Amino acid sequence: MNLEKSQKRIAKQVKKGFQGYPLISIVYYGPNESMATKVIVGFTAEEGAEMMTETFSTQTDIREDTVVQTTIIKIIDRSGAKSVTMDERVQPL
């Protein structure tokens, strides 16, 4: 899957809003607001359940990494997530 298609699929899921559990949350981290070098993808099976996380890091902007973005799509698909949230801002490391 190419980068643009992956980003569009993620954005489409986020746009739907909260639809219930399971929930995937995506948070980007980086040295500044214009570059994200780390992403944490969280999975919550049900309300009140502990969140499981998967972390990915790169030296370049991770939002432009095809492999990582495709992996996030696979996590969303395989988890059967009803909701996907994403913080639009890059959080400081």
Foldseek 3Di string as FASTA:
>chain_A
DALVVLVVVLVVQQVVPDPFDFEWEKAFADQDFVAGFKIKIWTDGHPPGDIDIDMDGDPGRPSNDGVNSVVSVVCCVVRVGNHYHYDPTHHYD
